[in-house]
Amino acid sequence: VVTDLISALTTPADQATAKLPCLLELLTVLPEEAENYKVGVLPRQRKNFREMLATHSSHVFSLLGQVCDTFKPQAALPSSIVILEKMIRCSASWVRHHPPSEEELISLPLLAFSFDALAA
């Protein structure tokens, strides 16, 4: 599901920026919905879905790092602000539900960006 979403919404490359807000929104809710017990699914299916998300979390964090690197230099533009806000919400959702390893967290540009944003 995760790789299919990323692939579908980042190609073709000339349309990726226009599709990015949708992709970030979908990636934000995926880990949240895995914890939503109002959704009637069998425990085994929920477990399999969580495992699938955990398997692809490094791919998501890599994508979020690319988004950060691409849009941070343009942070003064309103369109970039929207993307960066969605990126932060998406990052928070994944960190909360599928935390990266310590090494991965330290290497992500998201961490420095988040602290810079808080200081601003």
PDB file of N, CA and C in Angstrom:
ATOM      1  N   VAL A   1       0.829  -1.192   0.000  1.00  0.00           N
ATOM      2  CA  VAL A   1       0.000   0.000   0.000  1.00  0.00           C
ATOM      3  C   VAL A   1       0.874   1.257   0.000  1.00  0.00           C
ATOM      4  N   VAL A   2       1.840   1.311   0.889  1.00  0.00           N
ATOM      5  CA  VAL A   2       2.678   2.508   1.024  1.00  0.00           C
ATOM      6  C   VAL A   2       3.481   2.762  -0.249  1.00  0.00           C
ATOM      7  N   THR A   3       4.168   1.747  -0.731  1.00  0.00           N
ATOM      8  CA  THR A   3       4.981   1.946  -1.934  1.00  0.00           C
ATOM      9  C   THR A   3       4.107   2.236  -3.147  1.00  0.00           C
ATOM     10  N   ASP A   4       2.927   1.620  -3.197  1.00  0.00           N
ATOM     11  CA  ASP A   4       2.003   1.904  -4.303  1.00  0.00           C
ATOM     12  C   ASP A   4       1.552   3.359  -4.275  1.00  0.00           C
ATOM     13  N   LEU A   5       1.221   3.861  -3.083  1.00  0.00           N
ATOM     14  CA  LEU A   5       0.814   5.266  -2.953  1.00  0.00           C
ATOM     15  C   LEU A   5       1.940   6.199  -3.381  1.00  0.00           C
ATOM     16  N   ILE A   6       3.121   5.937  -2.864  1.00  0.00           N
ATOM     17  CA  ILE A   6       4.258   6.802  -3.184  1.00  0.00           C
ATOM     18  C   ILE A   6       4.546   6.767  -4.679  1.00  0.00           C
ATOM     19  N   SER A   7       4.534   5.584  -5.246  1.00  0.00           N
ATOM     20  CA  SER A   7       4.797   5.456  -6.677  1.00  0.00           C
ATOM     21  C   SER A   7       3.732   6.163  -7.516  1.00  0.00           C
ATOM     22  N   ALA A   8       2.476   5.943  -7.165  1.00  0.00           N
ATOM     23  CA  ALA A   8       1.378   6.532  -7.947  1.00  0.00           C
ATOM     24  C   ALA A   8       1.338   8.048  -7.847  1.00  0.00           C
ATOM     25  N   LEU A   9       1.703   8.574  -6.675  1.00  0.00           N
ATOM     26  CA  LEU A   9       1.563  10.014  -6.472  1.00  0.00           C
ATOM     27  C   LEU A   9       2.869  10.794  -6.625  1.00  0.00           C
ATOM     28  N   THR A  10       3.919  10.121  -7.060  1.00  0.00           N
ATOM     29  CA  THR A  10       5.165  10.844  -7.349  1.00  0.00           C
ATOM     30  C   THR A  10       5.568  10.702  -8.812  1.00  0.00           C
ATOM     31  N   THR A  11       4.715  10.075  -9.595  1.00  0.00           N
ATOM     32  CA  THR A  11       4.976   9.950 -11.029  1.00  0.00           C
ATOM     33  C   THR A  11       3.770  10.442 -11.805  1.00  0.00           C
ATOM     34  N   PRO A  12       3.936  11.001 -12.936  1.00  0.00           N
ATOM     35  CA  PRO A  12       5.203  11.445 -13.511  1.00  0.00           C
ATOM     36  C   PRO A  12       5.800  12.592 -12.690  1.00  0.00           C
ATOM     37  N   ALA A  13       7.101  12.742 -12.799  1.00  0.00           N
ATOM     38  CA  ALA A  13       7.831  13.710 -11.974  1.00  0.00           C
ATOM     39  C   ALA A  13       7.307  15.133 -12.111  1.00  0.00           C
ATOM     40  N   ASP A  14       6.852  15.506 -13.300  1.00  0.00           N
ATOM     41  CA  ASP A  14       6.376  16.880 -13.493  1.00  0.00           C
ATOM     42  C   ASP A  14       5.054  17.148 -12.775  1.00  0.00           C
ATOM     43  N   GLN A  15       4.365  16.100 -12.323  1.00  0.00           N
ATOM     44  CA  GLN A  15       3.105  16.266 -11.589  1.00  0.00           C
ATOM     45  C   GLN A  15       3.252  15.965 -10.096  1.00  0.00           C
ATOM     46  N   ALA A  16       4.435  15.529  -9.686  1.00  0.00           N
ATOM     47  CA  ALA A  16       4.638  15.096  -8.304  1.00  0.00           C
ATOM     48  C   ALA A  16       4.361  16.207  -7.296  1.00  0.00           C
ATOM     49  N   THR A  17       4.791  17.424  -7.573  1.00  0.00           N
ATOM     50  CA  THR A  17       4.582  18.527  -6.629  1.00  0.00           C
ATOM     51  C   THR A  17       3.106  18.820  -6.444  1.00  0.00           C
ATOM     52  N   ALA A  18       2.335  18.743  -7.500  1.00  0.00           N
ATOM     53  CA  ALA A  18       0.894  18.990  -7.400  1.00  0.00           C
ATOM     54  C   ALA A  18       0.193  17.891  -6.603  1.00  0.00           C
ATOM     55  N   LYS A  19       0.718  16.676  -6.669  1.00  0.00           N
ATOM     56  CA  LYS A  19       0.112  15.543  -5.965  1.00  0.00           C
ATOM     57  C   LYS A  19       0.617  15.394  -4.533  1.00  0.00           C
ATOM     58  N   LEU A  20       1.682  16.098  -4.198  1.00  0.00           N
ATOM     59  CA  LEU A  20       2.330  15.930  -2.898  1.00  0.00           C
ATOM     60  C   LEU A  20       1.419  16.187  -1.700  1.00  0.00           C
ATOM     61  N   PRO A  21       0.591  17.237  -1.682  1.00  0.00           N
ATOM     62  CA  PRO A  21      -0.295  17.424  -0.519  1.00  0.00           C
ATOM     63  C   PRO A  21      -1.205  16.216  -0.272  1.00  0.00           C
ATOM     64  N   CYS A  22      -1.719  15.633  -1.329  1.00  0.00           N
ATOM     65  CA  CYS A  22      -2.571  14.449  -1.203  1.00  0.00           C
ATOM     66  C   CYS A  22      -1.771  13.271  -0.647  1.00  0.00           C
ATOM     67  N   LEU A  23      -0.579  13.052  -1.174  1.00  0.00           N
ATOM     68  CA  LEU A  23       0.268  11.957  -0.705  1.00  0.00           C
ATOM     69  C   LEU A  23       0.595  12.117   0.775  1.00  0.00           C
ATOM     70  N   LEU A  24       0.966  13.318   1.182  1.00  0.00           N
ATOM     71  CA  LEU A  24       1.303  13.551   2.588  1.00  0.00           C
ATOM     72  C   LEU A  24       0.101  13.324   3.497  1.00  0.00           C
ATOM     73  N   GLU A  25      -1.070  13.732   3.050  1.00  0.00           N
ATOM     74  CA  GLU A  25      -2.284  13.521   3.848  1.00  0.00           C
ATOM     75  C   GLU A  25      -2.575  12.030   4.002  1.00  0.00           C
ATOM     76  N   LEU A  26      -2.480  11.292   2.912  1.00  0.00           N
ATOM     77  CA  LEU A  26      -2.721   9.845   2.972  1.00  0.00           C
ATOM     78  C   LEU A  26      -1.691   9.150   3.859  1.00  0.00           C
ATOM     79  N   LEU A  27      -0.433   9.534   3.724  1.00  0.00           N
ATOM     80  CA  LEU A  27       0.604   8.932   4.556  1.00  0.00           C
ATOM     81  C   LEU A  27       0.441   9.307   6.027  1.00  0.00           C
ATOM     82  N   THR A  28      -0.166  10.443   6.306  1.00  0.00           N
ATOM     83  CA  THR A  28      -0.421  10.845   7.691  1.00  0.00           C
ATOM     84  C   THR A  28      -1.458   9.943   8.341  1.00  0.00           C
ATOM     85  N   VAL A  29      -2.534   9.657   7.622  1.00  0.00           N
ATOM     86  CA  VAL A  29      -3.635   8.900   8.235  1.00  0.00           C
ATOM     87  C   VAL A  29      -3.406   7.393   8.265  1.00  0.00           C
ATOM     88  N   LEU A  30      -2.542   6.861   7.423  1.00  0.00           N
ATOM     89  CA  LEU A  30      -2.339   5.408   7.419  1.00  0.00           C
ATOM     90  C   LEU A  30      -1.952   4.854   8.791  1.00  0.00           C
ATOM     91  N   PRO A  31      -0.897   5.356   9.436  1.00  0.00           N
ATOM     92  CA  PRO A  31      -0.560   4.795  10.748  1.00  0.00           C
ATOM     93  C   PRO A  31      -1.617   5.102  11.812  1.00  0.00           C
ATOM     94  N   GLU A  32      -2.311   6.215  11.670  1.00  0.00           N
ATOM     95  CA  GLU A  32      -3.363   6.554  12.631  1.00  0.00           C
ATOM     96  C   GLU A  32      -4.531   5.586  12.509  1.00  0.00           C
ATOM     97  N   GLU A  33      -4.901   5.251  11.289  1.00  0.00           N
ATOM     98  CA  GLU A  33      -6.018   4.325  11.077  1.00  0.00           C
ATOM     99  C   GLU A  33      -5.675   2.908  11.521  1.00  0.00           C
ATOM    100  N   ALA A  34      -4.401   2.561  11.505  1.00  0.00           N
ATOM    101  CA  ALA A  34      -3.999   1.237  11.986  1.00  0.00           C
ATOM    102  C   ALA A  34      -4.300   1.083  13.470  1.00  0.00           C
ATOM    103  N   GLU A  35      -4.398   2.201  14.177  1.00  0.00           N
ATOM    104  CA  GLU A  35      -4.697   2.185  15.611  1.00  0.00           C
ATOM    105  C   GLU A  35      -6.161   2.496  15.905  1.00  0.00           C
ATOM    106  N   ASN A  36      -6.954   2.715  14.896  1.00  0.00           N
ATOM    107  CA  ASN A  36      -8.358   3.082  15.068  1.00  0.00           C
ATOM    108  C   ASN A  36      -9.200   1.824  15.278  1.00  0.00           C
ATOM    109  N   TYR A  37      -9.621   1.618  16.510  1.00  0.00           N
ATOM    110  CA  TYR A  37     -10.391   0.414  16.826  1.00  0.00           C
ATOM    111  C   TYR A  37     -11.864   0.556  16.477  1.00  0.00           C
ATOM    112  N   LYS A  38     -12.276   1.713  15.995  1.00  0.00           N
ATOM    113  CA  LYS A  38     -13.650   1.869  15.514  1.00  0.00           C
ATOM    114  C   LYS A  38     -13.826   1.173  14.167  1.00  0.00           C
ATOM    115  N   VAL A  39     -12.705   0.957  13.485  1.00  0.00           N
ATOM    116  CA  VAL A  39     -12.731   0.246  12.211  1.00  0.00           C
ATOM    117  C   VAL A  39     -12.780  -1.249  12.523  1.00  0.00           C
ATOM    118  N   GLY A  40     -13.836  -1.906  12.061  1.00  0.00           N
ATOM    119  CA  GLY A  40     -14.033  -3.315  12.374  1.00  0.00           C
ATOM    120  C   GLY A  40     -13.222  -4.241  11.487  1.00  0.00           C
ATOM    121  N   VAL A  41     -12.018  -4.563  11.919  1.00  0.00           N
ATOM    122  CA  VAL A  41     -11.195  -5.537  11.205  1.00  0.00           C
ATOM    123  C   VAL A  41     -10.732  -6.597  12.195  1.00  0.00           C
ATOM    124  N   LEU A  42     -10.425  -7.752  11.671  1.00  0.00           N
ATOM    125  CA  LEU A  42      -9.934  -8.837  12.515  1.00  0.00           C
ATOM    126  C   LEU A  42      -8.571  -8.462  13.094  1.00  0.00           C
ATOM    127  N   PRO A  43      -8.295  -8.900  14.322  1.00  0.00           N
ATOM    128  CA  PRO A  43      -6.995  -8.584  14.932  1.00  0.00           C
ATOM    129  C   PRO A  43      -5.808  -9.000  14.053  1.00  0.00           C
ATOM    130  N   ARG A  44      -5.916 -10.137  13.374  1.00  0.00           N
ATOM    131  CA  ARG A  44      -4.836 -10.598  12.508  1.00  0.00           C
ATOM    132  C   ARG A  44      -4.603  -9.614  11.358  1.00  0.00           C
ATOM    133  N   GLN A  45      -5.685  -9.090  10.791  1.00  0.00           N
ATOM    134  CA  GLN A  45      -5.558  -8.124   9.692  1.00  0.00           C
ATOM    135  C   GLN A  45      -4.920  -6.826  10.182  1.00  0.00           C
ATOM    136  N   ARG A  46      -5.327  -6.390  11.373  1.00  0.00           N
ATOM    137  CA  ARG A  46      -4.749  -5.171  11.949  1.00  0.00           C
ATOM    138  C   ARG A  46      -3.249  -5.369  12.184  1.00  0.00           C
ATOM    139  N   LYS A  47      -2.897  -6.538  12.728  1.00  0.00           N
ATOM    140  CA  LYS A  47      -1.490  -6.850  12.992  1.00  0.00           C
ATOM    141  C   LYS A  47      -0.698  -6.865  11.686  1.00  0.00           C
ATOM    142  N   ASN A  48      -1.232  -7.497  10.654  1.00  0.00           N
ATOM    143  CA  ASN A  48      -0.553  -7.545   9.353  1.00  0.00           C
ATOM    144  C   ASN A  48      -0.379  -6.145   8.765  1.00  0.00           C
ATOM    145  N   PHE A  49      -1.403  -5.308   8.908  1.00  0.00           N
ATOM    146  CA  PHE A  49      -1.333  -3.940   8.390  1.00  0.00           C
ATOM    147  C   PHE A  49      -0.266  -3.143   9.136  1.00  0.00           C
ATOM    148  N   ARG A  50      -0.224  -3.282  10.463  1.00  0.00           N
ATOM    149  CA  ARG A  50       0.802  -2.592  11.250  1.00  0.00           C
ATOM    150  C   ARG A  50       2.199  -3.042  10.841  1.00  0.00           C
ATOM    151  N   GLU A  51       2.358  -4.345  10.652  1.00  0.00           N
ATOM    152  CA  GLU A  51       3.665  -4.871  10.247  1.00  0.00           C
ATOM    153  C   GLU A  51       4.071  -4.339   8.878  1.00  0.00           C
ATOM    154  N   MET A  52       3.105  -4.254   7.967  1.00  0.00           N
ATOM    155  CA  MET A  52       3.386  -3.711   6.645  1.00  0.00           C
ATOM    156  C   MET A  52       3.828  -2.251   6.757  1.00  0.00           C
ATOM    157  N   LEU A  53       3.143  -1.486   7.600  1.00  0.00           N
ATOM    158  CA  LEU A  53       3.533  -0.086   7.782  1.00  0.00           C
ATOM    159  C   LEU A  53       4.938   0.006   8.372  1.00  0.00           C
ATOM    160  N   ALA A  54       5.222  -0.819   9.375  1.00  0.00           N
ATOM    161  CA  ALA A  54       6.547  -0.803   9.997  1.00  0.00           C
ATOM    162  C   ALA A  54       7.632  -1.152   8.978  1.00  0.00           C
ATOM    163  N   THR A  55       7.336  -2.094   8.105  1.00  0.00           N
ATOM    164  CA  THR A  55       8.287  -2.503   7.072  1.00  0.00           C
ATOM    165  C   THR A  55       8.624  -1.346   6.133  1.00  0.00           C
ATOM    166  N   HIS A  56       7.651  -0.508   5.863  1.00  0.00           N
ATOM    167  CA  HIS A  56       7.842   0.582   4.900  1.00  0.00           C
ATOM    168  C   HIS A  56       8.139   1.930   5.555  1.00  0.00           C
ATOM    169  N   SER A  57       8.283   1.961   6.865  1.00  0.00           N
ATOM    170  CA  SER A  57       8.488   3.250   7.537  1.00  0.00           C
ATOM    171  C   SER A  57       9.773   3.942   7.083  1.00  0.00           C
ATOM    172  N   SER A  58      10.839   3.187   6.855  1.00  0.00           N
ATOM    173  CA  SER A  58      12.085   3.836   6.418  1.00  0.00           C
ATOM    174  C   SER A  58      11.910   4.485   5.043  1.00  0.00           C
ATOM    175  N   HIS A  59      11.092   3.878   4.201  1.00  0.00           N
ATOM    176  CA  HIS A  59      10.799   4.456   2.880  1.00  0.00           C
ATOM    177  C   HIS A  59      10.049   5.783   3.039  1.00  0.00           C
ATOM    178  N   VAL A  60       9.103   5.805   3.982  1.00  0.00           N
ATOM    179  CA  VAL A  60       8.327   7.027   4.240  1.00  0.00           C
ATOM    180  C   VAL A  60       9.241   8.114   4.797  1.00  0.00           C
ATOM    181  N   PHE A  61      10.092   7.760   5.768  1.00  0.00           N
ATOM    182  CA  PHE A  61      10.997   8.757   6.338  1.00  0.00           C
ATOM    183  C   PHE A  61      11.969   9.287   5.284  1.00  0.00           C
ATOM    184  N   SER A  62      12.393   8.435   4.379  1.00  0.00           N
ATOM    185  CA  SER A  62      13.260   8.884   3.287  1.00  0.00           C
ATOM    186  C   SER A  62      12.531   9.893   2.402  1.00  0.00           C
ATOM    187  N   LEU A  63      11.290   9.582   2.060  1.00  0.00           N
ATOM    188  CA  LEU A  63      10.486  10.511   1.254  1.00  0.00           C
ATOM    189  C   LEU A  63      10.299  11.836   1.989  1.00  0.00           C
ATOM    190  N   LEU A  64       9.999  11.770   3.278  1.00  0.00           N
ATOM    191  CA  LEU A  64       9.799  12.996   4.057  1.00  0.00           C
ATOM    192  C   LEU A  64      11.089  13.815   4.117  1.00  0.00           C
ATOM    193  N   GLY A  65      12.222  13.142   4.195  1.00  0.00           N
ATOM    194  CA  GLY A  65      13.503  13.839   4.155  1.00  0.00           C
ATOM    195  C   GLY A  65      13.723  14.550   2.829  1.00  0.00           C
ATOM    196  N   GLN A  66      13.331  13.902   1.738  1.00  0.00           N
ATOM    197  CA  GLN A  66      13.445  14.525   0.417  1.00  0.00           C
ATOM    198  C   GLN A  66      12.534  15.743   0.308  1.00  0.00           C
ATOM    199  N   VAL A  67      11.327  15.618   0.856  1.00  0.00           N
ATOM    200  CA  VAL A  67      10.390  16.750   0.847  1.00  0.00           C
ATOM    201  C   VAL A  67      10.992  17.910   1.632  1.00  0.00           C
ATOM    202  N   CYS A  68      11.545  17.606   2.792  1.00  0.00           N
ATOM    203  CA  CYS A  68      12.161  18.640   3.627  1.00  0.00           C
ATOM    204  C   CYS A  68      13.300  19.326   2.877  1.00  0.00           C
ATOM    205  N   ASP A  69      14.178  18.544   2.288  1.00  0.00           N
ATOM    206  CA  ASP A  69      15.315  19.114   1.559  1.00  0.00           C
ATOM    207  C   ASP A  69      14.870  19.964   0.371  1.00  0.00           C
ATOM    208  N   THR A  70      13.796  19.554  -0.282  1.00  0.00           N
ATOM    209  CA  THR A  70      13.317  20.265  -1.466  1.00  0.00           C
ATOM    210  C   THR A  70      12.615  21.566  -1.116  1.00  0.00           C
ATOM    211  N   PHE A  71      11.773  21.537  -0.076  1.00  0.00           N
ATOM    212  CA  PHE A  71      10.918  22.691   0.203  1.00  0.00           C
ATOM    213  C   PHE A  71      11.454  23.627   1.283  1.00  0.00           C
ATOM    214  N   LYS A  72      12.412  23.198   2.074  1.00  0.00           N
ATOM    215  CA  LYS A  72      12.966  24.066   3.118  1.00  0.00           C
ATOM    216  C   LYS A  72      13.565  25.351   2.547  1.00  0.00           C
ATOM    217  N   PRO A  73      14.334  25.294   1.439  1.00  0.00           N
ATOM    218  CA  PRO A  73      14.883  26.543   0.886  1.00  0.00           C
ATOM    219  C   PRO A  73      13.809  27.522   0.399  1.00  0.00           C
ATOM    220  N   GLN A  74      12.608  27.015   0.153  1.00  0.00           N
ATOM    221  CA  GLN A  74      11.517  27.857  -0.343  1.00  0.00           C
ATOM    222  C   GLN A  74      10.498  28.142   0.757  1.00  0.00           C
ATOM    223  N   ALA A  75      10.901  28.026   2.014  1.00  0.00           N
ATOM    224  CA  ALA A  75       9.966  28.086   3.141  1.00  0.00           C
ATOM    225  C   ALA A  75       9.187  29.391   3.241  1.00  0.00           C
ATOM    226  N   ALA A  76       9.626  30.437   2.588  1.00  0.00           N
ATOM    227  CA  ALA A  76       8.903  31.713   2.650  1.00  0.00           C
ATOM    228  C   ALA A  76       7.695  31.741   1.717  1.00  0.00           C
ATOM    229  N   LEU A  77       7.636  30.826   0.779  1.00  0.00           N
ATOM    230  CA  LEU A  77       6.516  30.797  -0.168  1.00  0.00           C
ATOM    231  C   LEU A  77       5.299  30.123   0.460  1.00  0.00           C
ATOM    232  N   PRO A  78       4.111  30.698   0.299  1.00  0.00           N
ATOM    233  CA  PRO A  78       2.903  30.103   0.889  1.00  0.00           C
ATOM    234  C   PRO A  78       2.681  28.645   0.481  1.00  0.00           C
ATOM    235  N   SER A  79       2.935  28.308  -0.766  1.00  0.00           N
ATOM    236  CA  SER A  79       2.732  26.923  -1.206  1.00  0.00           C
ATOM    237  C   SER A  79       3.708  25.972  -0.512  1.00  0.00           C
ATOM    238  N   SER A  80       4.914  26.433  -0.260  1.00  0.00           N
ATOM    239  CA  SER A  80       5.898  25.608   0.444  1.00  0.00           C
ATOM    240  C   SER A  80       5.536  25.456   1.911  1.00  0.00           C
ATOM    241  N   ILE A  81       4.979  26.498   2.501  1.00  0.00           N
ATOM    242  CA  ILE A  81       4.560  26.422   3.903  1.00  0.00           C
ATOM    243  C   ILE A  81       3.514  25.334   4.076  1.00  0.00           C
ATOM    244  N   VAL A  82       2.566  25.268   3.165  1.00  0.00           N
ATOM    245  CA  VAL A  82       1.521  24.232   3.227  1.00  0.00           C
ATOM    246  C   VAL A  82       2.152  22.845   3.165  1.00  0.00           C
ATOM    247  N   ILE A  83       3.066  22.645   2.239  1.00  0.00           N
ATOM    248  CA  ILE A  83       3.737  21.347   2.088  1.00  0.00           C
ATOM    249  C   ILE A  83       4.534  21.010   3.346  1.00  0.00           C
ATOM    250  N   LEU A  84       5.285  21.975   3.866  1.00  0.00           N
ATOM    251  CA  LEU A  84       6.108  21.724   5.050  1.00  0.00           C
ATOM    252  C   LEU A  84       5.251  21.430   6.280  1.00  0.00           C
ATOM    253  N   GLU A  85       4.110  22.102   6.425  1.00  0.00           N
ATOM    254  CA  GLU A  85       3.210  21.807   7.543  1.00  0.00           C
ATOM    255  C   GLU A  85       2.672  20.383   7.434  1.00  0.00           C
ATOM    256  N   LYS A  86       2.285  19.981   6.238  1.00  0.00           N
ATOM    257  CA  LYS A  86       1.797  18.613   6.024  1.00  0.00           C
ATOM    258  C   LYS A  86       2.914  17.602   6.282  1.00  0.00           C
ATOM    259  N   MET A  87       4.138  17.941   5.883  1.00  0.00           N
ATOM    260  CA  MET A  87       5.272  17.062   6.114  1.00  0.00           C
ATOM    261  C   MET A  87       5.512  16.865   7.611  1.00  0.00           C
ATOM    262  N   ILE A  88       5.399  17.943   8.387  1.00  0.00           N
ATOM    263  CA  ILE A  88       5.600  17.845   9.835  1.00  0.00           C
ATOM    264  C   ILE A  88       4.515  16.982  10.469  1.00  0.00           C
ATOM    265  N   ARG A  89       3.258  17.185  10.066  1.00  0.00           N
ATOM    266  CA  ARG A  89       2.167  16.355  10.604  1.00  0.00           C
ATOM    267  C   ARG A  89       2.363  14.883  10.240  1.00  0.00           C
ATOM    268  N   CYS A  90       2.770  14.632   9.020  1.00  0.00           N
ATOM    269  CA  CYS A  90       3.013  13.263   8.570  1.00  0.00           C
ATOM    270  C   CYS A  90       4.170  12.645   9.365  1.00  0.00           C
ATOM    271  N   SER A  91       5.224  13.398   9.544  1.00  0.00           N
ATOM    272  CA  SER A  91       6.372  12.920  10.321  1.00  0.00           C
ATOM    273  C   SER A  91       5.956  12.570  11.740  1.00  0.00           C
ATOM    274  N   ALA A  92       5.171  13.434  12.352  1.00  0.00           N
ATOM    275  CA  ALA A  92       4.722  13.186  13.725  1.00  0.00           C
ATOM    276  C   ALA A  92       3.894  11.912  13.816  1.00  0.00           C
ATOM    277  N   SER A  93       3.034  11.691  12.838  1.00  0.00           N
ATOM    278  CA  SER A  93       2.206  10.488  12.829  1.00  0.00           C
ATOM    279  C   SER A  93       3.070   9.231  12.740  1.00  0.00           C
ATOM    280  N   TRP A  94       4.049   9.245  11.862  1.00  0.00           N
ATOM    281  CA  TRP A  94       4.904   8.067  11.701  1.00  0.00           C
ATOM    282  C   TRP A  94       5.839   7.886  12.888  1.00  0.00           C
ATOM    283  N   VAL A  95       6.381   8.961  13.435  1.00  0.00           N
ATOM    284  CA  VAL A  95       7.257   8.841  14.608  1.00  0.00           C
ATOM    285  C   VAL A  95       6.468   8.297  15.795  1.00  0.00           C
ATOM    286  N   ARG A  96       5.239   8.730  15.943  1.00  0.00           N
ATOM    287  CA  ARG A  96       4.393   8.282  17.047  1.00  0.00           C
ATOM    288  C   ARG A  96       4.039   6.794  16.916  1.00  0.00           C
ATOM    289  N   HIS A  97       3.700   6.350  15.725  1.00  0.00           N
ATOM    290  CA  HIS A  97       3.212   4.986  15.546  1.00  0.00           C
ATOM    291  C   HIS A  97       4.280   3.994  15.080  1.00  0.00           C
ATOM    292  N   HIS A  98       5.303   4.459  14.396  1.00  0.00           N
ATOM    293  CA  HIS A  98       6.379   3.596  13.895  1.00  0.00           C
ATOM    294  C   HIS A  98       7.705   4.332  14.025  1.00  0.00           C
ATOM    295  N   PRO A  99       8.172   4.508  15.260  1.00  0.00           N
ATOM    296  CA  PRO A  99       9.376   5.316  15.471  1.00  0.00           C
ATOM    297  C   PRO A  99      10.589   4.749  14.724  1.00  0.00           C
ATOM    298  N   PRO A 100      11.369   5.638  14.136  1.00  0.00           N
ATOM    299  CA  PRO A 100      12.588   5.184  13.454  1.00  0.00           C
ATOM    300  C   PRO A 100      13.640   4.796  14.485  1.00  0.00           C
ATOM    301  N   SER A 101      14.641   4.060  14.038  1.00  0.00           N
ATOM    302  CA  SER A 101      15.753   3.731  14.927  1.00  0.00           C
ATOM    303  C   SER A 101      16.468   5.033  15.294  1.00  0.00           C
ATOM    304  N   GLU A 102      17.245   4.966  16.345  1.00  0.00           N
ATOM    305  CA  GLU A 102      17.972   6.157  16.792  1.00  0.00           C
ATOM    306  C   GLU A 102      18.902   6.675  15.693  1.00  0.00           C
ATOM    307  N   GLU A 103      19.596   5.755  15.023  1.00  0.00           N
ATOM    308  CA  GLU A 103      20.513   6.149  13.950  1.00  0.00           C
ATOM    309  C   GLU A 103      19.754   6.812  12.799  1.00  0.00           C
ATOM    310  N   GLU A 104      18.610   6.220  12.450  1.00  0.00           N
ATOM    311  CA  GLU A 104      17.810   6.773  11.355  1.00  0.00           C
ATOM    312  C   GLU A 104      17.272   8.155  11.727  1.00  0.00           C
ATOM    313  N   LEU A 105      16.817   8.295  12.964  1.00  0.00           N
ATOM    314  CA  LEU A 105      16.264   9.570  13.422  1.00  0.00           C
ATOM    315  C   LEU A 105      17.314  10.675  13.361  1.00  0.00           C
ATOM    316  N   ILE A 106      18.494  10.377  13.820  1.00  0.00           N
ATOM    317  CA  ILE A 106      19.569  11.372  13.831  1.00  0.00           C
ATOM    318  C   ILE A 106      19.954  11.797  12.417  1.00  0.00           C
ATOM    319  N   SER A 107      19.894  10.864  11.477  1.00  0.00           N
ATOM    320  CA  SER A 107      20.319  11.174  10.107  1.00  0.00           C
ATOM    321  C   SER A 107      19.251  11.894   9.288  1.00  0.00           C
ATOM    322  N   LEU A 108      18.032  11.947   9.791  1.00  0.00           N
ATOM    323  CA  LEU A 108      16.951  12.573   9.029  1.00  0.00           C
ATOM    324  C   LEU A 108      17.036  14.096   9.071  1.00  0.00           C
ATOM    325  N   PRO A 109      16.862  14.749   7.928  1.00  0.00           N
ATOM    326  CA  PRO A 109      16.838  16.213   7.927  1.00  0.00           C
ATOM    327  C   PRO A 109      15.607  16.757   8.647  1.00  0.00           C
ATOM    328  N   LEU A 110      14.627  15.890   8.897  1.00  0.00           N
ATOM    329  CA  LEU A 110      13.397  16.317   9.569  1.00  0.00           C
ATOM    330  C   LEU A 110      13.665  16.804  10.987  1.00  0.00           C
ATOM    331  N   LEU A 111      14.596  16.156  11.664  1.00  0.00           N
ATOM    332  CA  LEU A 111      14.872  16.513  13.051  1.00  0.00           C
ATOM    333  C   LEU A 111      15.407  17.943  13.149  1.00  0.00           C
ATOM    334  N   ALA A 112      16.414  18.249  12.369  1.00  0.00           N
ATOM    335  CA  ALA A 112      16.982  19.607  12.384  1.00  0.00           C
ATOM    336  C   ALA A 112      15.943  20.623  11.939  1.00  0.00           C
ATOM    337  N   PHE A 113      15.165  20.276  10.913  1.00  0.00           N
ATOM    338  CA  PHE A 113      14.131  21.183  10.428  1.00  0.00           C
ATOM    339  C   PHE A 113      13.099  21.462  11.516  1.00  0.00           C
ATOM    340  N   SER A 114      12.695  20.430  12.239  1.00  0.00           N
ATOM    341  CA  SER A 114      11.693  20.602  13.298  1.00  0.00           C
ATOM    342  C   SER A 114      12.192  21.544  14.384  1.00  0.00           C
ATOM    343  N   PHE A 115      13.448  21.369  14.794  1.00  0.00           N
ATOM    344  CA  PHE A 115      13.993  22.258  15.819  1.00  0.00           C
ATOM    345  C   PHE A 115      14.157  23.684  15.297  1.00  0.00           C
ATOM    346  N   ASP A 116      14.551  23.820  14.042  1.00  0.00           N
ATOM    347  CA  ASP A 116      14.651  25.153  13.435  1.00  0.00           C
ATOM    348  C   ASP A 116      13.281  25.826  13.388  1.00  0.00           C
ATOM    349  N   ALA A 117      12.252  25.050  13.049  1.00  0.00           N
ATOM    350  CA  ALA A 117      10.890  25.596  12.969  1.00  0.00           C
ATOM    351  C   ALA A 117      10.402  26.033  14.343  1.00  0.00           C
ATOM    352  N   LEU A 118      10.731  25.266  15.370  1.00  0.00           N
ATOM    353  CA  LEU A 118      10.324  25.641  16.729  1.00  0.00           C
ATOM    354  C   LEU A 118      11.035  26.904  17.196  1.00  0.00           C
ATOM    355  N   ALA A 119      12.276  27.073  16.778  1.00  0.00           N
ATOM    356  CA  ALA A 119      13.052  28.237  17.193  1.00  0.00           C
ATOM    357  C   ALA A 119      12.616  29.511  16.476  1.00  0.00           C
ATOM    358  N   ALA A 120      11.994  29.366  15.330  1.00  0.00           N
ATOM    359  CA  ALA A 120      11.613  30.540  14.529  1.00  0.00           C
ATOM    360  C   ALA A 120      10.414  31.263  15.099  1.00  0.00           C
TER     361      ALA A 120
END
